[in-house]
Amino acid sequence: MIITQLWNIIYGNWHKFLRGDVLMPLVTTKEMFEKAYNGGYAIGAFNVNNMEIVQGITEAAKDLNAPLILQVSKGARAYANHTYLIKLVEAAVIETGLPICLHLDHGDSYELCRDCIDGGFTSVMIDASSKPLDENIAITKKVVEYAHDHGVVVEAELGTLAGIEDEVKVKSEDSSYTRPEDVQEFVTRTGCDSLAIAIGTSHGAYKFKPGTKPQLRFDILEEVEHRLPGFPIVLHGSSSVPQELVAKVNKFGGNMPGAVGVPEDQLRQAASMAVCKINIDSDLRLAMTATIREFMAEHPDKFDPREYLKPARAAIKELVAHKITDVLGCDGKA
């Protein structure tokens, strides 16, 4: 009996003994956000879909000793399978030793959030922002109660971002800025741990019209910060859509005219305020796709996926390192 119990302990925690140390488990964002808020920086929340994306992100974070949020959308779970994604993130924890939070991005139902909580996620987002305020509160509160009972934190959303990304599809005319006068009631009644607000960011690679001056509504952010002192705020749709990557995509057969993102200096300003989490997805896709398109064009004889995914992974690593150091300011904060 005793031998069997010891074997079960060792087998269930084999990864902790690989290097003779104790593995840091997946963490929630609670401590991350407290440090970020007080330190005037933000944590990068990077969407993951496959092994190379996970590796590129986490290798950059390890080199820079940065805390990290890896987030999975409903679409990513459908594409890669919940179990595969969980194991990839667990592998990243083993390889890096970093504090990593595994987060559900844009959960659209209580059932999806519950499944992710039961399946090992340490943070979930319930997005009922398209609902009337009272309905948004009721749905969010239900998720919060289940999550908190299981030691998981919850992100909610007020205001509606425009754009298209995975399962999120909102027309510009249906988007709306967050009303600062609603935030205190919402947070008090739901008990959520962080709040995504709408101040001008949007999903996808076409955030602003070409020729216009992109500008976030810092007046809304300031008012929210005033009404919720010390409370962590989240920005969705915060890719900067680097124009050199757009140009590379288009040069090698792509068709992305007019793709414009959020200026990085404005994201850095938001990170110095109440924003503790900044979501980045489209920039990762651009880095990977631009690199693969270039490789394919320059090496038409190649067909081994490892040969074009290796430079694509390196491009993601370079992009994430830049974001951590120059935009988020969370290097050295793990």
Protein backbone atom coordinates (compact mmCIF):
# COMPACT_ATOMS: atom_id res chain seq x y z
CA MET A 1 0.00 0.00 0.00
CA ILE A 2 2.72 2.47 1.03
CA ILE A 3 4.83 1.63 -2.03
CA THR A 4 1.83 2.12 -4.29
CA GLN A 5 1.07 5.52 -2.74
CA LEU A 6 4.69 6.63 -3.14
CA TRP A 7 4.69 5.54 -6.76
CA ASN A 8 1.50 7.48 -7.44
CA ILE A 9 3.02 10.60 -5.91
CA ILE A 10 6.19 10.30 -7.96
CA TYR A 11 4.36 9.39 -11.16
CA GLY A 12 1.89 12.25 -10.79
CA ASN A 13 4.72 14.72 -10.19
CA TRP A 14 7.46 13.28 -12.37
CA HIS A 15 8.22 16.62 -13.94
CA LYS A 16 9.16 18.07 -10.56
CA PHE A 17 12.02 15.65 -10.23
CA LEU A 18 13.50 16.00 -13.70
CA ARG A 19 15.98 18.64 -12.57
CA GLY A 20 16.00 17.97 -8.87
CA ASP A 21 13.83 20.98 -8.08
CA VAL A 22 10.20 21.79 -7.52
CA LEU A 23 8.16 22.96 -10.47
CA MET A 24 6.26 26.20 -10.14
CA PRO A 25 2.65 25.35 -11.01
CA LEU A 26 0.38 27.41 -13.22
CA VAL A 27 -0.59 30.54 -11.32
CA THR A 28 -3.51 32.97 -11.25
CA THR A 29 -3.10 36.62 -12.17
CA LYS A 30 -3.77 37.93 -8.66
CA GLU A 31 -0.18 38.49 -7.57
CA MET A 32 0.91 39.38 -11.12
CA PHE A 33 -1.63 42.19 -11.32
CA GLU A 34 -0.87 43.56 -7.87
CA LYS A 35 2.80 43.90 -8.80
CA ALA A 36 1.99 45.29 -12.26
CA TYR A 37 -0.43 47.90 -10.94
CA ASN A 38 2.01 49.14 -8.33
CA GLY A 39 4.98 48.91 -10.69
CA GLY A 40 3.48 50.77 -13.64
CA TYR A 41 3.76 47.98 -16.16
CA ALA A 42 1.47 45.39 -17.79
CA ILE A 43 1.60 41.64 -18.36
CA GLY A 44 1.44 40.36 -21.90
CA ALA A 45 -1.47 38.04 -22.63
CA PHE A 46 -0.50 36.18 -25.78
CA ASN A 47 -2.88 33.88 -27.65
CA VAL A 48 -1.57 30.40 -28.39
CA ASN A 49 -2.70 27.85 -30.96
CA ASN A 50 0.20 25.46 -31.52
CA MET A 51 3.60 24.36 -30.26
CA GLU A 52 5.73 26.84 -32.18
CA ILE A 53 3.71 29.82 -30.95
CA VAL A 54 3.97 28.62 -27.34
CA GLN A 55 7.72 28.07 -27.73
CA GLY A 56 8.40 31.45 -29.33
CA ILE A 57 6.50 33.33 -26.64
CA THR A 58 7.89 31.45 -23.67
CA GLU A 59 11.50 31.44 -24.88
CA ALA A 60 11.38 35.24 -25.11
CA ALA A 61 9.81 35.52 -21.65
CA LYS A 62 12.41 33.18 -20.17
CA ASP A 63 15.30 35.17 -21.63
CA LEU A 64 13.84 38.37 -20.19
CA ASN A 65 12.58 36.86 -16.91
CA ALA A 66 9.07 38.14 -17.56
CA PRO A 67 5.77 36.93 -16.08
CA LEU A 68 3.39 35.60 -18.67
CA ILE A 69 -0.24 34.96 -19.52
CA LEU A 70 -0.88 32.37 -22.22
CA GLN A 71 -4.45 32.56 -23.37
CA VAL A 72 -6.61 30.20 -25.34
CA SER A 73 -9.72 31.19 -27.24
CA LYS A 74 -12.76 29.06 -27.98
CA GLY A 75 -11.48 28.84 -31.54
CA ALA A 76 -8.05 27.64 -30.39
CA ARG A 77 -9.65 24.89 -28.30
CA ALA A 78 -11.65 23.78 -31.33
CA TYR A 79 -8.52 23.82 -33.51
CA ALA A 80 -5.88 22.27 -31.27
CA ASN A 81 -7.92 20.39 -28.61
CA HIS A 82 -8.08 21.37 -24.95
CA THR A 83 -5.77 18.56 -23.78
CA TYR A 84 -3.00 19.32 -26.28
CA LEU A 85 -3.04 23.01 -25.32
CA ILE A 86 -2.94 22.26 -21.60
CA LYS A 87 0.03 19.95 -22.06
CA LEU A 88 1.89 22.47 -24.23
CA VAL A 89 1.50 25.10 -21.52
CA GLU A 90 2.55 22.65 -18.82
CA ALA A 91 5.64 21.91 -20.91
CA ALA A 92 6.36 25.64 -21.05
CA VAL A 93 6.25 25.81 -17.25
CA ILE A 94 8.72 22.91 -17.02
CA GLU A 95 11.08 24.45 -19.56
CA THR A 96 11.02 28.03 -18.26
CA GLY A 97 10.23 27.89 -14.55
CA LEU A 98 8.30 31.14 -15.04
CA PRO A 99 5.05 32.14 -13.34
CA ILE A 100 2.60 31.41 -16.15
CA CYS A 101 -1.16 31.88 -16.04
CA LEU A 102 -3.35 29.86 -18.40
CA HIS A 103 -6.34 32.00 -19.36
CA LEU A 104 -9.53 31.45 -21.35
CA ASP A 105 -9.94 34.36 -23.77
CA HIS A 106 -13.49 35.47 -24.57
CA GLY A 107 -15.46 32.69 -22.96
CA ASP A 108 -18.96 33.16 -24.32
CA SER A 109 -20.90 31.01 -21.87
CA TYR A 110 -20.95 29.77 -18.30
CA GLU A 111 -20.58 26.20 -19.59
CA LEU A 112 -17.38 26.97 -21.52
CA CYS A 113 -15.86 28.77 -18.52
CA ARG A 114 -16.79 25.88 -16.24
CA ASP A 115 -15.21 23.34 -18.60
CA CYS A 116 -11.95 25.32 -18.69
CA ILE A 117 -11.93 25.72 -14.90
CA ASP A 118 -12.47 21.98 -14.47
CA GLY A 119 -9.83 21.34 -17.14
CA GLY A 120 -6.96 23.15 -15.42
CA PHE A 121 -7.16 26.78 -16.46
CA THR A 122 -6.20 29.23 -13.71
CA SER A 123 -8.07 32.21 -15.16
CA VAL A 124 -11.15 32.62 -17.35
CA MET A 125 -12.82 35.48 -19.12
CA ILE A 126 -16.57 35.58 -19.37
CA ASP A 127 -17.58 37.98 -22.12
CA ALA A 128 -21.24 38.93 -21.77
CA SER A 129 -20.52 42.51 -22.83
CA SER A 130 -23.02 42.34 -25.68
CA LYS A 131 -25.84 41.76 -23.16
CA PRO A 132 -27.74 44.46 -21.23
CA LEU A 133 -25.93 45.48 -18.05
CA ASP A 134 -28.08 43.46 -15.63
CA GLU A 135 -27.78 40.33 -17.76
CA ASN A 136 -24.03 40.81 -18.09
CA ILE A 137 -23.83 41.10 -14.31
CA ALA A 138 -25.92 37.98 -13.71
CA ILE A 139 -23.89 35.80 -16.11
CA THR A 140 -20.58 37.11 -14.83
CA LYS A 141 -21.56 36.60 -11.19
CA LYS A 142 -22.46 32.97 -11.89
CA VAL A 143 -19.05 32.34 -13.45
CA VAL A 144 -17.27 34.16 -10.60
CA GLU A 145 -18.98 32.05 -7.95
CA TYR A 146 -17.95 28.79 -9.63
CA ALA A 147 -14.43 30.00 -10.40
CA HIS A 148 -13.70 31.31 -6.92
CA ASP A 149 -14.91 28.05 -5.42
CA HIS A 150 -12.17 26.37 -7.47
CA GLY A 151 -9.37 28.89 -6.85
CA VAL A 152 -9.64 30.45 -10.33
CA VAL A 153 -9.83 34.18 -11.14
CA VAL A 154 -12.28 35.84 -13.54
CA GLU A 155 -11.96 38.62 -16.08
CA ALA A 156 -15.15 40.30 -17.29
CA GLU A 157 -15.90 42.97 -19.88
CA LEU A 158 -17.86 46.23 -20.02
CA GLY A 159 -18.23 47.97 -23.34
CA THR A 160 -18.00 46.23 -26.70
CA LEU A 161 -14.96 46.16 -28.98
CA ALA A 162 -15.42 46.15 -32.74
CA GLY A 163 -13.55 43.81 -35.05
CA ILE A 164 -13.19 40.15 -35.98
CA GLU A 165 -10.96 37.62 -34.26
CA ASP A 166 -11.78 33.92 -33.87
CA GLU A 167 -15.33 33.70 -32.46
CA VAL A 168 -15.58 37.47 -31.79
CA LYS A 169 -17.36 39.33 -34.58
CA VAL A 170 -18.68 42.82 -33.81
CA LYS A 171 -19.59 45.45 -36.40
CA SER A 172 -18.24 48.93 -35.76
CA GLU A 173 -21.75 50.34 -35.41
CA ASP A 174 -22.46 47.80 -32.65
CA SER A 175 -19.35 48.66 -30.63
CA SER A 176 -19.50 50.95 -27.62
CA TYR A 177 -17.12 52.61 -25.21
CA THR A 178 -17.21 51.58 -21.57
CA ARG A 179 -19.37 53.85 -19.40
CA PRO A 180 -17.24 54.72 -16.34
CA GLU A 181 -20.38 55.29 -14.28
CA ASP A 182 -21.18 51.55 -14.60
CA VAL A 183 -17.88 50.07 -13.47
CA GLN A 184 -18.29 50.30 -9.68
CA GLU A 185 -21.71 48.68 -9.71
CA PHE A 186 -20.51 45.97 -12.11
CA VAL A 187 -17.41 45.01 -10.12
CA THR A 188 -19.25 45.16 -6.77
CA ARG A 189 -22.17 43.04 -7.91
CA THR A 190 -20.15 40.45 -9.86
CA GLY A 191 -17.02 40.10 -7.73
CA CYS A 192 -14.86 39.81 -10.87
CA ASP A 193 -11.08 40.04 -10.42
CA SER A 194 -10.23 42.20 -13.45
CA LEU A 195 -12.18 44.18 -16.01
CA ALA A 196 -11.71 44.58 -19.76
CA ILE A 197 -12.84 47.99 -20.96
CA ALA A 198 -13.42 49.52 -24.39
CA ILE A 199 -11.39 52.69 -24.98
CA GLY A 200 -10.76 52.47 -28.72
CA THR A 201 -8.88 49.22 -29.30
CA SER A 202 -10.49 46.57 -31.52
CA HIS A 203 -10.01 42.98 -32.58
CA GLY A 204 -8.14 41.91 -35.69
CA ALA A 205 -5.64 43.71 -37.94
CA TYR A 206 -7.88 46.56 -39.15
CA LYS A 207 -8.31 48.65 -36.04
CA PHE A 208 -8.28 52.15 -37.54
CA LYS A 209 -8.95 53.55 -40.99
CA PRO A 210 -5.83 54.39 -43.02
CA GLY A 211 -5.04 58.10 -42.90
CA THR A 212 -6.71 58.65 -39.54
CA LYS A 213 -4.84 59.27 -36.28
CA PRO A 214 -5.32 56.32 -33.93
CA GLN A 215 -6.16 57.55 -30.45
CA LEU A 216 -7.20 55.68 -27.35
CA ARG A 217 -9.69 57.27 -24.95
CA PHE A 218 -7.42 57.88 -22.00
CA ASP A 219 -10.09 60.07 -20.44
CA ILE A 220 -12.26 56.96 -19.99
CA LEU A 221 -9.33 54.99 -18.58
CA GLU A 222 -8.55 57.78 -16.12
CA GLU A 223 -12.17 57.96 -14.95
CA VAL A 224 -12.34 54.18 -14.53
CA GLU A 225 -9.08 54.26 -12.56
CA HIS A 226 -10.53 57.00 -10.35
CA ARG A 227 -13.69 54.99 -9.68
CA LEU A 228 -11.84 51.67 -9.15
CA PRO A 229 -8.55 52.58 -7.43
CA GLY A 230 -6.12 49.68 -7.39
CA PHE A 231 -8.31 47.49 -9.59
CA PRO A 232 -6.63 45.78 -12.60
CA ILE A 233 -7.88 46.84 -16.02
CA VAL A 234 -7.47 44.84 -19.24
CA LEU A 235 -7.10 45.96 -22.86
CA HIS A 236 -8.25 43.61 -25.58
CA GLY A 237 -7.49 44.05 -29.27
CA SER A 238 -4.11 45.62 -28.60
CA SER A 239 -1.92 44.39 -31.43
CA SER A 240 0.09 47.14 -33.10
CA VAL A 241 0.05 45.51 -36.56
CA PRO A 242 3.71 46.32 -37.41
CA GLN A 243 3.77 47.79 -40.86
CA GLU A 244 7.00 46.02 -41.80
CA LEU A 245 5.22 42.69 -41.24
CA VAL A 246 2.19 43.80 -43.23
CA ALA A 247 4.54 44.86 -46.05
CA LYS A 248 6.27 41.49 -45.96
CA VAL A 249 2.96 39.62 -46.10
CA ASN A 250 1.89 41.68 -49.10
CA LYS A 251 5.30 41.40 -50.81
CA PHE A 252 5.15 37.62 -50.75
CA GLY A 253 1.65 37.10 -52.06
CA GLY A 254 -0.58 38.40 -49.26
CA ASN A 255 -3.40 40.89 -49.55
CA MET A 256 -3.74 43.06 -46.45
CA PRO A 257 -4.30 46.63 -47.62
CA GLY A 258 -5.05 49.17 -44.91
CA ALA A 259 -4.15 47.03 -41.89
CA VAL A 260 -3.53 49.44 -38.99
CA GLY A 261 -3.02 48.73 -35.28
CA VAL A 262 -2.73 50.52 -31.94
CA PRO A 263 0.37 52.74 -31.57
CA GLU A 264 2.80 51.17 -29.15
CA ASP A 265 3.48 54.41 -27.29
CA GLN A 266 -0.20 54.58 -26.37
CA LEU A 267 -0.13 51.01 -25.09
CA ARG A 268 2.94 51.85 -22.99
CA GLN A 269 1.07 54.82 -21.56
CA ALA A 270 -1.90 52.59 -20.69
CA ALA A 271 0.47 50.09 -19.04
CA SER A 272 1.82 52.87 -16.82
CA MET A 273 -1.73 53.54 -15.60
CA ALA A 274 -4.33 51.02 -14.40
CA VAL A 275 -3.95 48.57 -17.30
CA CYS A 276 -2.31 45.39 -15.99
CA LYS A 277 -3.02 43.01 -18.90
CA ILE A 278 -2.63 43.73 -22.61
CA ASN A 279 -3.88 41.15 -25.12
CA ILE A 280 -1.81 40.45 -28.24
CA ASP A 281 -2.79 37.98 -30.95
CA SER A 282 -2.83 39.50 -34.45
CA ASP A 283 0.82 40.56 -34.22
CA LEU A 284 1.80 36.94 -33.53
CA ARG A 285 -0.15 35.78 -36.56
CA LEU A 286 1.49 38.44 -38.72
CA ALA A 287 5.00 37.52 -37.57
CA MET A 288 4.42 33.83 -38.27
CA THR A 289 2.61 34.27 -41.59
CA ALA A 290 5.02 36.88 -42.97
CA THR A 291 8.00 34.66 -42.18
CA ILE A 292 6.45 31.54 -43.68
CA ARG A 293 5.39 33.39 -46.83
CA GLU A 294 8.92 34.73 -47.28
CA PHE A 295 10.47 31.30 -46.72
CA MET A 296 8.14 29.62 -49.18
CA ALA A 297 8.81 32.25 -51.85
CA GLU A 298 12.56 32.05 -51.45
CA HIS A 299 12.75 28.25 -51.06
CA PRO A 300 10.13 26.76 -53.41
CA ASP A 301 11.85 23.38 -53.23
CA LYS A 302 11.35 23.01 -49.47
CA PHE A 303 8.47 21.00 -48.02
CA ASP A 304 9.62 20.00 -44.53
CA PRO A 305 7.39 21.93 -42.05
CA ARG A 306 10.26 22.10 -39.59
CA GLU A 307 12.27 24.19 -42.01
CA TYR A 308 9.72 26.99 -42.30
CA LEU A 309 8.28 26.74 -38.78
CA LYS A 310 11.70 27.21 -37.21
CA PRO A 311 12.20 30.76 -38.56
CA ALA A 312 8.52 31.48 -37.89
CA ARG A 313 9.05 30.52 -34.24
CA ALA A 314 12.12 32.77 -34.11
CA ALA A 315 10.10 35.67 -35.53
CA ILE A 316 7.50 35.26 -32.80
CA LYS A 317 10.24 35.17 -30.17
CA GLU A 318 11.73 38.41 -31.51
CA LEU A 319 8.33 40.11 -31.59
CA VAL A 320 7.43 39.04 -28.05
CA ALA A 321 10.81 40.15 -26.70
CA HIS A 322 10.17 43.60 -28.16
CA LYS A 323 6.68 43.74 -26.65
CA ILE A 324 7.91 42.68 -23.21
CA THR A 325 10.72 45.23 -23.12
CA ASP A 326 9.43 48.23 -25.06
CA VAL A 327 5.64 48.09 -24.73
CA LEU A 328 4.68 46.17 -21.59
CA GLY A 329 7.69 47.01 -19.44
CA CYS A 330 7.53 43.68 -17.60
CA ASP A 331 11.03 42.43 -18.30
CA GLY A 332 12.78 41.30 -15.11
CA LYS A 333 9.46 41.18 -13.21
CA ALA A 334 8.92 37.41 -12.96
